[in-house]
Amino acid sequence: MTRIVVVGSINMDLVTQAPRFVGPGETILGERFLTVPGGKGANQAVAAARLGAEVALVGAIGDDAFGRQLRESLAAEKVDLSHIAQLADSASGTASITVAGGENQIIVVPAANARVTPAQVEHAQSLIARADAVLVQMEIPLETVEATLRLGHRLGVPVILNPAPAQKLPVDWLQLARYVTPNQHELAILLGADPDEDFRSLMQRAPSPVVLTRGGDGAWYREQGEPIHQSGFNVEVVDSTGAGDTFNAALAVFLHEGLADAVRKACAAAALSVTRLGAQGGMPGLHEVDAFLAQQSG
């Protein structure tokens, strides 16, 4: 069984379905409201667990109703919770999400996620040393992202950096990552580059191997030489929330099969995830991905 450690955020997603996005000062009637577990760290942990991996999550929640619900939902997915801090003096993180026309708008309040520390990462060293891959995102303090990259590099464990929400990072941090997984916009921010520059040129300038997501167009990946394209899969989009997290989780889970196969399976898992509502609600199981790919091949 593939062993994955995720270092990242844990949120309660407050999801509103609406006929369209509202403008400033405008009020419209929504169609549906849901509270569903989310956060990029928790999403990636759940997606990896559903794809058959043994998963541990390093993160923090508040000692509140959302925190208790988040812990219960992660436990139900068989995620190892031994490195999740429950903070008595903090609320749990939240994300307010509006979904309209298959797209989404999101406002994140980090709360307890802002207190995930490098010390927590170091405390999980023995766990990380046994992992096949580590996933880290940027909804937690940057010093903790750096600590994760440095520890993984020191232990020889591949770290996949999902640079979202994006900001410019030091080159030496990026060089510590086995793969960086931005979209085109995030890659430009990460490198401090012109967002209108061709993404393939940006990929070649990056100081680490890049797997770049392109939504319905699939993904591009590069270790050496020219970037290679993996086409997307044609599905009916219901909700794109969590598609990137599903992609990253699948990439980590299948990485041992080789990058090309891992990217193809990641694109398939992400495509399946957008056909249902909710970040974690849409995440597929391993058998679903296998059946989907078999159908595409047939």
Protein backbone atom coordinates (compact mmCIF):
# COMPACT_ATOMS: atom_id res chain seq x y z
CA MET A 1 0.00 0.00 0.00
CA THR A 2 1.33 3.44 -0.97
CA ARG A 3 2.05 5.63 2.07
CA ILE A 4 1.27 9.33 1.77
CA VAL A 5 1.79 12.14 4.28
CA VAL A 6 -0.12 15.38 3.71
CA VAL A 7 0.88 18.60 5.47
CA GLY A 8 -1.86 21.16 5.05
CA SER A 9 -5.10 22.91 5.86
CA ILE A 10 -8.36 21.55 7.25
CA ASN A 11 -11.50 23.64 6.67
CA MET A 12 -15.23 23.46 6.85
CA ASP A 13 -16.56 24.48 3.45
CA LEU A 14 -19.72 26.60 3.47
CA VAL A 15 -21.05 25.97 -0.05
CA THR A 16 -23.81 27.93 -1.77
CA GLN A 17 -25.14 26.92 -5.18
CA ALA A 18 -26.42 29.90 -7.12
CA PRO A 19 -27.71 30.62 -10.64
CA ARG A 20 -24.85 33.11 -11.12
CA PHE A 21 -22.22 35.04 -9.17
CA VAL A 22 -23.37 38.24 -7.46
CA GLY A 23 -21.97 41.72 -8.00
CA PRO A 24 -20.98 44.23 -5.28
CA GLY A 25 -23.95 45.21 -3.12
CA GLU A 26 -26.23 42.72 -4.86
CA THR A 27 -28.48 40.07 -3.28
CA ILE A 28 -29.90 37.10 -5.16
CA LEU A 29 -31.64 33.89 -4.14
CA GLY A 30 -29.43 30.83 -3.91
CA GLU A 31 -30.46 27.32 -4.89
CA ARG A 32 -28.81 25.16 -2.20
CA PHE A 33 -26.56 25.45 0.87
CA LEU A 34 -24.24 22.77 2.25
CA THR A 35 -21.59 22.51 4.95
CA VAL A 36 -18.99 20.00 3.80
CA PRO A 37 -15.47 19.15 5.02
CA GLY A 38 -12.69 20.76 2.98
CA GLY A 39 -9.33 22.52 3.09
CA LYS A 40 -6.60 21.66 0.60
CA GLY A 41 -4.73 19.44 3.05
CA ALA A 42 -7.80 17.50 4.15
CA ASN A 43 -9.07 17.26 0.56
CA GLN A 44 -5.82 15.77 -0.66
CA ALA A 45 -5.69 13.37 2.28
CA VAL A 46 -9.23 12.12 1.61
CA ALA A 47 -8.63 11.83 -2.14
CA ALA A 48 -5.45 9.80 -1.56
CA ALA A 49 -7.19 7.52 0.95
CA ARG A 50 -10.04 6.82 -1.48
CA LEU A 51 -7.46 5.90 -4.12
CA GLY A 52 -6.16 3.17 -1.84
CA ALA A 53 -3.25 4.85 -0.04
CA GLU A 54 -2.37 4.74 3.64
CA VAL A 55 -2.62 8.43 4.56
CA ALA A 56 -1.57 10.59 7.52
CA LEU A 57 -2.42 14.29 7.82
CA VAL A 58 -0.39 16.96 9.66
CA GLY A 59 -2.55 19.98 10.45
CA ALA A 60 -4.66 21.85 13.03
CA ILE A 61 -8.32 22.36 13.89
CA GLY A 62 -10.15 24.37 16.52
CA ASP A 63 -11.88 22.98 19.59
CA ASP A 64 -15.29 23.84 18.18
CA ALA A 65 -18.26 22.20 16.47
CA PHE A 66 -16.64 22.40 13.03
CA GLY A 67 -13.41 20.93 14.42
CA ARG A 68 -15.24 17.94 15.88
CA GLN A 69 -17.12 17.35 12.63
CA LEU A 70 -13.91 17.62 10.61
CA ARG A 71 -12.13 15.10 12.84
CA GLU A 72 -15.03 12.66 12.55
CA SER A 73 -15.17 12.95 8.75
CA LEU A 74 -11.42 12.36 8.39
CA ALA A 75 -11.57 9.36 10.73
CA ALA A 76 -14.40 7.92 8.61
CA GLU A 77 -12.07 8.10 5.59
CA LYS A 78 -9.42 6.17 7.59
CA VAL A 79 -6.94 9.08 7.62
CA ASP A 80 -4.35 8.91 10.42
CA LEU A 81 -5.15 11.84 12.76
CA SER A 82 -2.30 11.40 15.23
CA HIS A 83 -0.53 14.56 14.00
CA ILE A 84 -3.55 16.88 13.95
CA ALA A 85 -3.43 19.51 16.70
CA GLN A 86 -6.76 20.52 18.27
CA LEU A 87 -6.37 24.11 19.53
CA ALA A 88 -8.51 25.20 22.46
CA ASP A 89 -8.05 28.92 21.72
CA SER A 90 -8.78 28.93 18.00
CA ALA A 91 -11.66 28.42 15.61
CA SER A 92 -11.39 25.88 12.81
CA GLY A 93 -10.65 27.14 9.32
CA THR A 94 -13.53 27.90 6.97
CA ALA A 95 -14.00 28.44 3.24
CA SER A 96 -17.06 30.27 1.90
CA ILE A 97 -17.68 28.90 -1.59
CA THR A 98 -20.17 30.03 -4.21
CA VAL A 99 -20.76 27.61 -7.08
CA ALA A 100 -22.38 28.85 -10.31
CA GLY A 101 -22.22 27.44 -13.82
CA GLY A 102 -19.62 24.82 -12.90
CA GLU A 103 -17.18 27.48 -11.63
CA ASN A 104 -16.50 28.65 -8.08
CA GLN A 105 -15.48 31.66 -6.01
CA ILE A 106 -13.84 31.03 -2.62
CA ILE A 107 -12.98 33.07 0.49
CA VAL A 108 -10.79 31.22 3.01
CA VAL A 109 -10.41 32.17 6.69
CA PRO A 110 -7.35 30.18 7.90
CA ALA A 111 -7.96 30.32 11.70
CA ALA A 112 -6.29 27.19 13.18
CA ASN A 113 -4.53 26.50 9.88
CA ALA A 114 -2.39 29.60 10.47
CA ARG A 115 -0.88 27.79 13.46
CA VAL A 116 0.40 24.63 11.78
CA THR A 117 4.04 24.81 12.83
CA PRO A 118 7.46 23.55 11.65
CA ALA A 119 7.67 21.79 15.03
CA GLN A 120 4.64 19.68 14.06
CA VAL A 121 6.40 18.68 10.86
CA GLU A 122 9.58 17.75 12.72
CA HIS A 123 7.49 15.76 15.21
CA ALA A 124 6.16 13.73 12.27
CA GLN A 125 9.68 12.96 11.01
CA SER A 126 9.51 9.20 11.54
CA LEU A 127 6.18 9.11 9.69
CA ILE A 128 7.54 11.16 6.80
CA ALA A 129 10.68 9.01 6.60
CA ARG A 130 8.48 5.96 5.83
CA ALA A 131 6.32 7.76 3.27
CA ASP A 132 6.39 7.17 -0.48
CA ALA A 133 5.48 10.81 -1.07
CA VAL A 134 4.60 13.99 0.85
CA LEU A 135 2.05 16.56 -0.28
CA VAL A 136 2.14 20.18 0.91
CA GLN A 137 0.13 23.26 -0.13
CA MET A 138 0.15 26.94 0.85
CA GLU A 139 -2.93 27.43 3.04
CA ILE A 140 -0.59 27.05 6.03
CA PRO A 141 2.33 29.28 7.17
CA LEU A 142 5.17 29.51 4.66
CA GLU A 143 7.72 28.61 7.33
CA THR A 144 5.90 25.27 7.68
CA VAL A 145 5.91 24.76 3.92
CA GLU A 146 9.67 25.37 3.94
CA ALA A 147 10.17 22.97 6.86
CA THR A 148 8.27 20.26 4.96
CA LEU A 149 10.34 20.74 1.81
CA ARG A 150 13.62 20.69 3.73
CA LEU A 151 12.72 17.65 5.81
CA GLY A 152 11.53 15.65 2.81
CA HIS A 153 14.69 16.54 0.88
CA ARG A 154 16.89 15.59 3.83
CA LEU A 155 15.12 12.24 4.21
CA GLY A 156 15.09 11.52 0.47
CA VAL A 157 11.29 11.45 0.34
CA PRO A 158 9.68 13.11 -2.73
CA VAL A 159 7.72 16.23 -1.81
CA ILE A 160 5.01 17.47 -4.16
CA LEU A 161 4.44 21.21 -3.68
CA ASN A 162 1.00 22.40 -4.73
CA PRO A 163 1.58 26.19 -4.72
CA ALA A 164 -1.95 27.35 -3.97
CA PRO A 165 -2.86 30.00 -3.06
CA ALA A 166 0.15 31.15 -5.07
CA GLN A 167 2.88 33.59 -4.13
CA LYS A 168 6.49 34.02 -5.16
CA LEU A 169 8.82 31.58 -3.40
CA PRO A 170 12.62 31.52 -3.07
CA VAL A 171 14.36 29.51 -5.78
CA ASP A 172 16.10 27.29 -3.22
CA TRP A 173 12.73 26.22 -1.82
CA LEU A 174 11.49 25.21 -5.25
CA GLN A 175 14.67 23.24 -5.88
CA LEU A 176 13.84 21.10 -2.84
CA ALA A 177 10.54 19.93 -4.34
CA ARG A 178 10.44 16.77 -6.43
CA TYR A 179 7.52 18.25 -8.37
CA VAL A 180 5.70 21.59 -8.30
CA THR A 181 2.05 21.41 -9.43
CA PRO A 182 0.68 24.86 -10.32
CA ASN A 183 -1.81 26.02 -12.88
CA GLN A 184 -0.61 28.59 -15.43
CA HIS A 185 -1.55 31.58 -13.27
CA GLU A 186 0.09 30.11 -10.18
CA LEU A 187 3.31 29.27 -12.04
CA ALA A 188 3.70 32.87 -13.22
CA ILE A 189 3.22 34.16 -9.67
CA LEU A 190 5.58 31.53 -8.27
CA LEU A 191 8.36 32.62 -10.61
CA GLY A 192 7.58 36.35 -10.47
CA ALA A 193 7.04 36.21 -14.24
CA ASP A 194 4.74 37.87 -16.78
CA PRO A 195 1.39 36.02 -16.59
CA ASP A 196 1.02 36.38 -20.37
CA GLU A 197 4.25 34.47 -21.06
CA ASP A 198 3.70 31.08 -22.69
CA PHE A 199 3.28 28.48 -19.97
CA ARG A 200 5.65 26.04 -21.69
CA SER A 201 8.39 28.65 -21.54
CA LEU A 202 7.64 29.20 -17.85
CA MET A 203 7.84 25.45 -17.24
CA GLN A 204 11.31 25.32 -18.80
CA ARG A 205 12.48 28.23 -16.65
CA ALA A 206 11.26 26.70 -13.40
CA PRO A 207 14.04 25.47 -11.07
CA SER A 208 12.22 22.18 -10.40
CA PRO A 209 10.22 19.66 -12.44
CA VAL A 210 6.71 20.98 -13.09
CA VAL A 211 3.35 19.27 -13.55
CA LEU A 212 1.04 22.03 -14.75
CA THR A 213 -2.75 21.62 -14.61
CA ARG A 214 -4.90 23.08 -17.41
CA GLY A 215 -8.47 22.25 -16.38
CA GLY A 216 -10.39 20.57 -19.18
CA ASP A 217 -7.25 20.60 -21.35
CA GLY A 218 -5.60 18.13 -18.96
CA ALA A 219 -2.02 18.69 -17.83
CA TRP A 220 1.52 19.32 -19.06
CA TYR A 221 4.56 17.87 -17.36
CA ARG A 222 8.29 18.34 -17.66
CA GLU A 223 11.30 16.81 -15.95
CA GLN A 224 13.85 17.46 -18.71
CA GLY A 225 13.54 18.72 -22.25
CA GLU A 226 10.26 19.87 -23.78
CA PRO A 227 6.99 19.81 -21.80
CA ILE A 228 4.71 16.86 -22.58
CA HIS A 229 0.91 17.12 -22.86
CA GLN A 230 -1.59 14.77 -21.24
CA SER A 231 -5.02 15.54 -22.69
CA GLY A 232 -8.04 15.96 -20.46
CA PHE A 233 -11.22 13.87 -20.44
CA ASN A 234 -14.60 15.07 -21.65
CA VAL A 235 -17.11 15.04 -18.77
CA GLU A 236 -20.12 17.09 -17.70
CA VAL A 237 -18.91 19.62 -15.12
CA VAL A 238 -21.10 20.03 -12.03
CA ASP A 239 -18.62 21.55 -9.56
CA SER A 240 -14.89 22.13 -10.10
CA THR A 241 -14.17 22.60 -6.37
CA GLY A 242 -11.52 20.11 -5.26
CA ALA A 243 -10.46 19.03 -8.75
CA GLY A 244 -6.91 20.28 -8.23
CA ASP A 245 -6.70 18.55 -4.86
CA THR A 246 -7.88 15.28 -6.42
CA PHE A 247 -5.27 15.68 -9.16
CA ASN A 248 -2.45 16.22 -6.65
CA ALA A 249 -3.50 13.29 -4.49
CA ALA A 250 -3.66 10.94 -7.46
CA LEU A 251 -0.29 12.15 -8.71
CA ALA A 252 1.24 11.26 -5.33
CA VAL A 253 -0.52 7.90 -5.06
CA PHE A 254 0.47 6.73 -8.56
CA LEU A 255 3.90 8.35 -8.74
CA HIS A 256 5.63 5.00 -8.26
CA GLU A 257 4.17 3.91 -11.64
CA GLY A 258 6.16 6.62 -13.43
CA LEU A 259 5.33 10.25 -14.09
CA ALA A 260 3.48 9.76 -17.39
CA ASP A 261 1.08 7.15 -15.96
CA ALA A 262 0.65 9.13 -12.75
CA VAL A 263 -0.32 12.28 -14.66
CA ARG A 264 -2.80 10.35 -16.84
CA LYS A 265 -4.47 8.80 -13.79
CA ALA A 266 -4.45 12.16 -12.02
CA CYS A 267 -6.27 13.76 -14.97
CA ALA A 268 -8.84 10.94 -14.90
CA ALA A 269 -9.42 11.26 -11.15
CA ALA A 270 -9.80 15.04 -11.45
CA ALA A 271 -12.26 14.65 -14.34
CA LEU A 272 -14.41 12.31 -12.28
CA SER A 273 -14.30 14.68 -9.31
CA VAL A 274 -15.97 17.55 -11.17
CA THR A 275 -19.03 15.46 -12.06
CA ARG A 276 -20.40 15.66 -8.49
CA LEU A 277 -21.01 18.48 -6.01
CA GLY A 278 -18.52 19.29 -3.26
CA ALA A 279 -14.75 19.05 -2.96
CA GLN A 280 -14.64 15.74 -1.09
CA GLY A 281 -18.08 14.65 -2.27
CA GLY A 282 -16.81 14.28 -5.82
CA MET A 283 -13.56 12.46 -5.10
CA PRO A 284 -13.51 9.02 -6.76
CA GLY A 285 -12.42 5.65 -5.48
CA LEU A 286 -9.68 3.59 -7.10
CA HIS A 287 -12.15 1.27 -8.83
CA GLU A 288 -13.93 4.26 -10.37
CA VAL A 289 -10.70 5.61 -11.85
CA ASP A 290 -9.74 2.18 -13.21
CA ALA A 291 -13.22 1.69 -14.75
CA PHE A 292 -13.20 5.20 -16.25
CA LEU A 293 -9.79 4.70 -17.87
CA ALA A 294 -10.79 1.27 -19.17
CA GLN A 295 -13.86 2.88 -20.75
CA GLN A 296 -11.71 5.60 -22.35
CA SER A 297 -9.32 2.98 -23.75
CA GLY A 298 -12.23 0.94 -25.07
